[in-house]
């Protein structure tokens, strides 16, 4: 498989999944939005298409109770389960974040025990460029790496909005992602170099900046959601609807970067 791996979220439509797999997208990601309404035929078919076309299916549950997550995984059997709770990258939020880490580690241990064939991806939150606290953030994220590496197969770096303990400022409260804004690539590059697990770079990536991002950060993979979405008449990205031409350009730019680096 050529590097960087290219992952595209949020795909709930089997027809779009088929098109993405046909153009060579490596990973296709779907999202379970509700704890009580998680049996969705569109996602079932999307995962079947991934298996048939040789792409990997990644699944985000936007809840973290153990029984609910295990039931979802038993039903869908994705290749990857992706946990994206918003862990503050700032030391000011350390105590609260570490208490949450205990629960998340217990959940990941359960997944590892009952579904050893499903890869576990853990999102880590980075601020936007110019936070002025780069060394503190790096130290905080390195602590998360140490905690989660034994129970994670890979990490994904995504953009954290707001202040030190401001998890509620994220587009989806308590979770990190779909901001459409880039994160601090300087910190990301240092984390990629230090991580004991492969790292996927996310956060506002598009066809226009993914080449530069790969050249700077040198991640194992790149992820796009918001910046490869279709947009409405006002230019606002539409969730769960991909612009296939944007994806095609994103994939081509990521591949060019990989070739330039000899990956």
Protein backbone atom coordinates (compact mmCIF):
# COMPACT_ATOMS: atom_id res chain seq x y z
CA UNK A 1 0.00 0.00 0.00
CA UNK A 2 1.45 3.41 -0.94
CA UNK A 3 1.94 5.92 1.86
CA UNK A 4 0.51 8.05 3.24
CA UNK A 5 -2.64 6.04 3.81
CA UNK A 6 -5.67 8.13 2.77
CA UNK A 7 -8.74 8.06 5.00
CA UNK A 8 -12.03 9.80 4.21
CA UNK A 9 -14.86 10.48 6.70
CA UNK A 10 -17.95 10.75 7.10
CA UNK A 11 -19.34 8.21 4.63
CA UNK A 12 -22.77 6.74 5.34
CA UNK A 13 -23.91 6.32 1.71
CA UNK A 14 -23.01 3.02 0.00
CA UNK A 15 -22.97 4.65 -3.45
CA UNK A 16 -20.38 7.15 -2.28
CA UNK A 17 -18.43 4.39 -0.55
CA UNK A 18 -18.33 2.47 -3.84
CA UNK A 19 -17.06 5.54 -5.68
CA UNK A 20 -14.38 6.27 -3.09
CA UNK A 21 -13.14 2.69 -3.08
CA UNK A 22 -13.04 2.69 -6.88
CA UNK A 23 -10.81 5.76 -6.97
CA UNK A 24 -8.36 4.17 -4.51
CA UNK A 25 -9.22 5.60 -1.09
CA UNK A 26 -7.57 3.29 1.46
CA UNK A 27 -9.93 3.81 4.40
CA UNK A 28 -13.57 4.79 4.49
CA UNK A 29 -14.95 6.06 7.79
CA UNK A 30 -18.52 6.08 9.09
CA UNK A 31 -20.04 7.48 12.28
CA UNK A 32 -22.64 6.11 14.69
CA UNK A 33 -24.32 9.23 16.01
CA UNK A 34 -26.79 7.83 18.52
CA UNK A 35 -26.49 5.27 21.28
CA UNK A 36 -30.05 4.00 20.77
CA UNK A 37 -30.28 4.19 16.97
CA UNK A 38 -27.18 2.46 15.72
CA UNK A 39 -28.45 -0.23 13.33
CA UNK A 40 -28.15 1.57 10.01
CA UNK A 41 -28.42 -0.28 6.71
CA UNK A 42 -26.37 2.38 4.92
CA UNK A 43 -23.39 1.78 7.19
CA UNK A 44 -23.83 -2.00 6.99
CA UNK A 45 -23.62 -1.82 3.20
CA UNK A 46 -20.75 0.67 3.31
CA UNK A 47 -18.70 -1.78 5.37
CA UNK A 48 -19.60 -4.64 3.03
CA UNK A 49 -18.40 -2.56 0.08
CA UNK A 50 -15.12 -1.86 1.87
CA UNK A 51 -14.56 -5.57 2.37
CA UNK A 52 -15.40 -6.38 -1.22
CA UNK A 53 -13.26 -3.60 -2.70
CA UNK A 54 -10.23 -4.07 -0.45
CA UNK A 55 -10.62 -0.81 1.51
CA UNK A 56 -10.59 -0.67 5.30
CA UNK A 57 -13.77 0.34 7.13
CA UNK A 58 -13.34 2.62 10.12
CA UNK A 59 -16.19 3.27 12.56
CA UNK A 60 -16.60 6.02 15.16
CA UNK A 61 -19.16 5.50 17.95
CA UNK A 62 -20.11 8.88 19.41
CA UNK A 63 -20.68 7.34 22.84
CA UNK A 64 -18.44 5.37 25.13
CA UNK A 65 -20.47 3.04 27.33
CA UNK A 66 -18.89 -0.38 27.23
CA UNK A 67 -21.93 -2.50 26.40
CA UNK A 68 -23.08 -0.12 23.68
CA UNK A 69 -19.70 -0.01 21.96
CA UNK A 70 -19.24 -3.79 22.14
CA UNK A 71 -22.71 -4.34 20.68
CA UNK A 72 -21.94 -1.99 17.78
CA UNK A 73 -18.65 -3.73 17.03
CA UNK A 74 -20.21 -7.17 17.21
CA UNK A 75 -22.87 -6.10 14.71
CA UNK A 76 -20.74 -4.22 12.16
CA UNK A 77 -17.29 -5.83 12.55
CA UNK A 78 -15.34 -2.92 11.05
CA UNK A 79 -11.62 -3.18 10.39
CA UNK A 80 -10.97 -0.22 12.72
CA UNK A 81 -12.78 1.33 15.66
CA UNK A 82 -11.94 4.99 16.11
CA UNK A 83 -12.36 6.71 19.50
CA UNK A 84 -12.29 10.50 19.34
CA UNK A 85 -13.13 11.91 22.77
CA UNK A 86 -11.75 15.44 23.22
CA UNK A 87 -8.79 15.24 25.59
CA UNK A 88 -7.49 18.69 26.43
CA UNK A 89 -4.00 19.24 24.98
CA UNK A 90 -3.31 21.84 27.67
CA UNK A 91 -1.87 20.93 31.09
CA UNK A 92 -4.53 23.13 32.71
CA UNK A 93 -7.04 20.41 31.88
CA UNK A 94 -4.77 17.57 32.90
CA UNK A 95 -6.61 16.26 35.97
CA UNK A 96 -10.00 16.10 34.28
CA UNK A 97 -8.49 14.57 31.15
CA UNK A 98 -6.64 11.88 33.08
CA UNK A 99 -9.84 10.88 34.90
CA UNK A 100 -11.47 10.45 31.49
CA UNK A 101 -8.43 8.49 30.30
CA UNK A 102 -9.06 5.85 32.96
CA UNK A 103 -12.54 5.18 31.53
CA UNK A 104 -11.27 5.22 27.96
CA UNK A 105 -8.47 2.81 28.70
CA UNK A 106 -10.93 0.42 30.32
CA UNK A 107 -13.10 0.61 27.20
CA UNK A 108 -10.15 -0.03 24.89
CA UNK A 109 -9.11 -2.99 27.03
CA UNK A 110 -12.60 -4.47 26.58
CA UNK A 111 -12.40 -3.99 22.81
CA UNK A 112 -8.96 -5.58 22.71
CA UNK A 113 -10.23 -8.55 24.75
CA UNK A 114 -13.43 -9.26 22.82
CA UNK A 115 -12.38 -8.11 19.34
CA UNK A 116 -8.63 -8.65 18.99
CA UNK A 117 -8.91 -8.52 15.20
CA UNK A 118 -10.30 -4.94 15.19
CA UNK A 119 -7.65 -2.21 15.13
CA UNK A 120 -8.02 0.60 17.66
CA UNK A 121 -7.41 4.20 16.64
CA UNK A 122 -7.24 6.85 19.37
CA UNK A 123 -7.68 10.54 18.50
CA UNK A 124 -5.47 13.07 20.24
CA UNK A 125 -6.26 16.78 20.26
CA UNK A 126 -3.85 19.50 19.19
CA UNK A 127 -4.47 23.25 19.23
CA UNK A 128 -4.48 25.47 16.20
CA UNK A 129 -1.15 27.12 15.31
CA UNK A 130 -0.02 29.98 17.52
CA UNK A 131 -1.21 28.79 20.91
CA UNK A 132 2.03 30.02 22.46
CA UNK A 133 2.21 26.93 24.64
CA UNK A 134 3.83 24.48 22.26
CA UNK A 135 6.21 22.84 24.74
CA UNK A 136 3.49 22.36 27.34
CA UNK A 137 1.15 20.87 24.76
CA UNK A 138 3.86 18.54 23.50
CA UNK A 139 4.50 17.28 27.02
CA UNK A 140 0.80 16.71 27.62
CA UNK A 141 0.29 14.77 24.40
CA UNK A 142 3.39 12.68 25.02
CA UNK A 143 1.79 11.63 28.31
CA UNK A 144 -1.33 10.53 26.43
CA UNK A 145 0.86 8.61 23.97
CA UNK A 146 2.47 6.76 26.86
CA UNK A 147 -0.90 5.91 28.41
CA UNK A 148 -2.72 4.82 25.27
CA UNK A 149 0.02 3.17 23.20
CA UNK A 150 -0.31 -0.28 24.84
CA UNK A 151 -4.02 -0.42 23.92
CA UNK A 152 -3.95 1.46 20.61
CA UNK A 153 -2.80 0.40 17.17
CA UNK A 154 -2.55 3.94 15.87
CA UNK A 155 -3.22 7.57 16.73
CA UNK A 156 -5.01 10.33 14.85
CA UNK A 157 -4.17 13.99 15.46
CA UNK A 158 -7.09 16.39 15.16
CA UNK A 159 -7.85 20.05 15.88
CA UNK A 160 -9.04 21.16 19.32
CA UNK A 161 -11.02 24.40 19.54
CA UNK A 162 -11.35 26.67 22.53
CA UNK A 163 -9.35 26.99 25.70
CA UNK A 164 -7.64 24.79 28.21
CA UNK A 165 -10.57 22.63 29.39
CA UNK A 166 -13.04 23.71 26.75
CA UNK A 167 -14.21 20.35 25.41
CA UNK A 168 -17.70 21.82 24.98
CA UNK A 169 -16.41 24.17 22.27
CA UNK A 170 -15.96 21.32 19.82
CA UNK A 171 -18.50 20.94 16.96
CA UNK A 172 -19.70 17.73 18.65
CA UNK A 173 -19.62 18.28 22.42
CA UNK A 174 -17.03 16.12 24.12
CA UNK A 175 -15.47 14.86 20.89
CA UNK A 176 -12.73 16.20 18.64
CA UNK A 177 -13.08 16.56 14.88
CA UNK A 178 -14.99 18.09 11.92
CA UNK A 179 -13.70 21.60 12.64
CA UNK A 180 -12.34 22.20 9.15
CA UNK A 181 -9.39 23.98 10.79
CA UNK A 182 -5.74 23.00 10.70
CA UNK A 183 -3.76 22.09 13.78
CA UNK A 184 -0.20 22.98 14.73
CA UNK A 185 1.96 21.04 12.26
CA UNK A 186 5.15 21.80 14.19
CA UNK A 187 3.85 19.92 17.23
CA UNK A 188 2.38 17.22 15.01
CA UNK A 189 5.73 16.54 13.35
CA UNK A 190 7.41 16.10 16.72
CA UNK A 191 4.67 13.73 17.86
CA UNK A 192 4.98 11.63 14.71
CA UNK A 193 8.71 11.30 15.37
CA UNK A 194 8.13 10.31 19.01
CA UNK A 195 5.10 8.05 18.68
CA UNK A 196 5.51 4.28 19.15
CA UNK A 197 2.45 3.80 16.92
CA UNK A 198 1.58 5.00 13.40
CA UNK A 199 0.06 8.49 13.32
CA UNK A 200 -2.65 9.80 10.99
CA UNK A 201 -2.84 13.56 10.48
CA UNK A 202 -6.29 15.17 10.33
CA UNK A 203 -7.58 18.68 10.95
CA UNK A 204 -8.68 20.86 8.03
CA UNK A 205 -6.82 18.92 5.37
CA UNK A 206 -7.82 19.48 1.76
CA UNK A 207 -6.37 19.04 -1.71
CA UNK A 208 -4.84 22.50 -1.31
CA UNK A 209 -2.75 21.82 1.79
CA UNK A 210 -2.29 18.04 2.14
CA UNK A 211 0.93 17.99 0.07
CA UNK A 212 2.54 20.58 2.37
CA UNK A 213 1.18 18.79 5.45
CA UNK A 214 2.70 15.45 4.47
CA UNK A 215 6.03 17.03 3.58
CA UNK A 216 6.15 18.81 6.95
CA UNK A 217 4.69 16.21 9.32
CA UNK A 218 5.51 12.93 7.52
CA UNK A 219 2.56 11.00 8.97
CA UNK A 220 1.64 7.41 8.28
CA UNK A 221 -1.71 8.60 6.96
CA UNK A 222 -3.89 11.62 6.25
CA UNK A 223 -7.57 12.09 6.98
CA UNK A 224 -10.13 14.44 5.49
CA UNK A 225 -13.74 15.06 6.34
CA UNK A 226 -15.01 18.64 6.26
CA UNK A 227 -12.75 19.91 3.46
CA UNK A 228 -13.78 17.12 1.10
CA UNK A 229 -17.49 17.57 1.75
CA UNK A 230 -19.95 19.04 -0.70
CA UNK A 231 -21.11 22.55 0.24
CA UNK A 232 -24.46 24.29 0.19
CA UNK A 233 -25.30 27.50 -1.68
CA UNK A 234 -23.68 29.55 1.06
CA UNK A 235 -20.46 27.55 0.95
CA UNK A 236 -21.10 25.66 4.20
CA UNK A 237 -19.89 22.04 4.21
CA UNK A 238 -22.70 19.47 4.22
CA UNK A 239 -22.10 16.63 6.64
CA UNK A 240 -22.17 13.09 5.25
CA UNK A 241 -22.07 14.22 1.63
CA UNK A 242 -18.72 13.99 -0.15
CA UNK A 243 -17.60 16.00 -3.16
CA UNK A 244 -15.97 13.27 -5.23
CA UNK A 245 -13.84 15.70 -7.21
CA UNK A 246 -12.44 17.15 -3.98
CA UNK A 247 -11.65 13.64 -2.79
CA UNK A 248 -9.98 12.80 -6.11
CA UNK A 249 -7.77 15.90 -5.88
CA UNK A 250 -6.98 15.17 -2.21
CA UNK A 251 -5.96 11.62 -3.00
CA UNK A 252 -3.75 12.73 -5.89
CA UNK A 253 -2.01 15.40 -3.79
CA UNK A 254 -1.38 12.97 -0.93
CA UNK A 255 0.06 10.41 -3.36
CA UNK A 256 2.36 13.05 -4.89
CA UNK A 257 3.67 13.89 -1.44
CA UNK A 258 4.33 10.24 -0.70
CA UNK A 259 6.21 9.86 -3.96
CA UNK A 260 8.26 12.99 -3.24
CA UNK A 261 9.29 11.50 0.11
CA UNK A 262 10.00 8.10 -1.42
CA UNK A 263 7.32 6.37 0.66
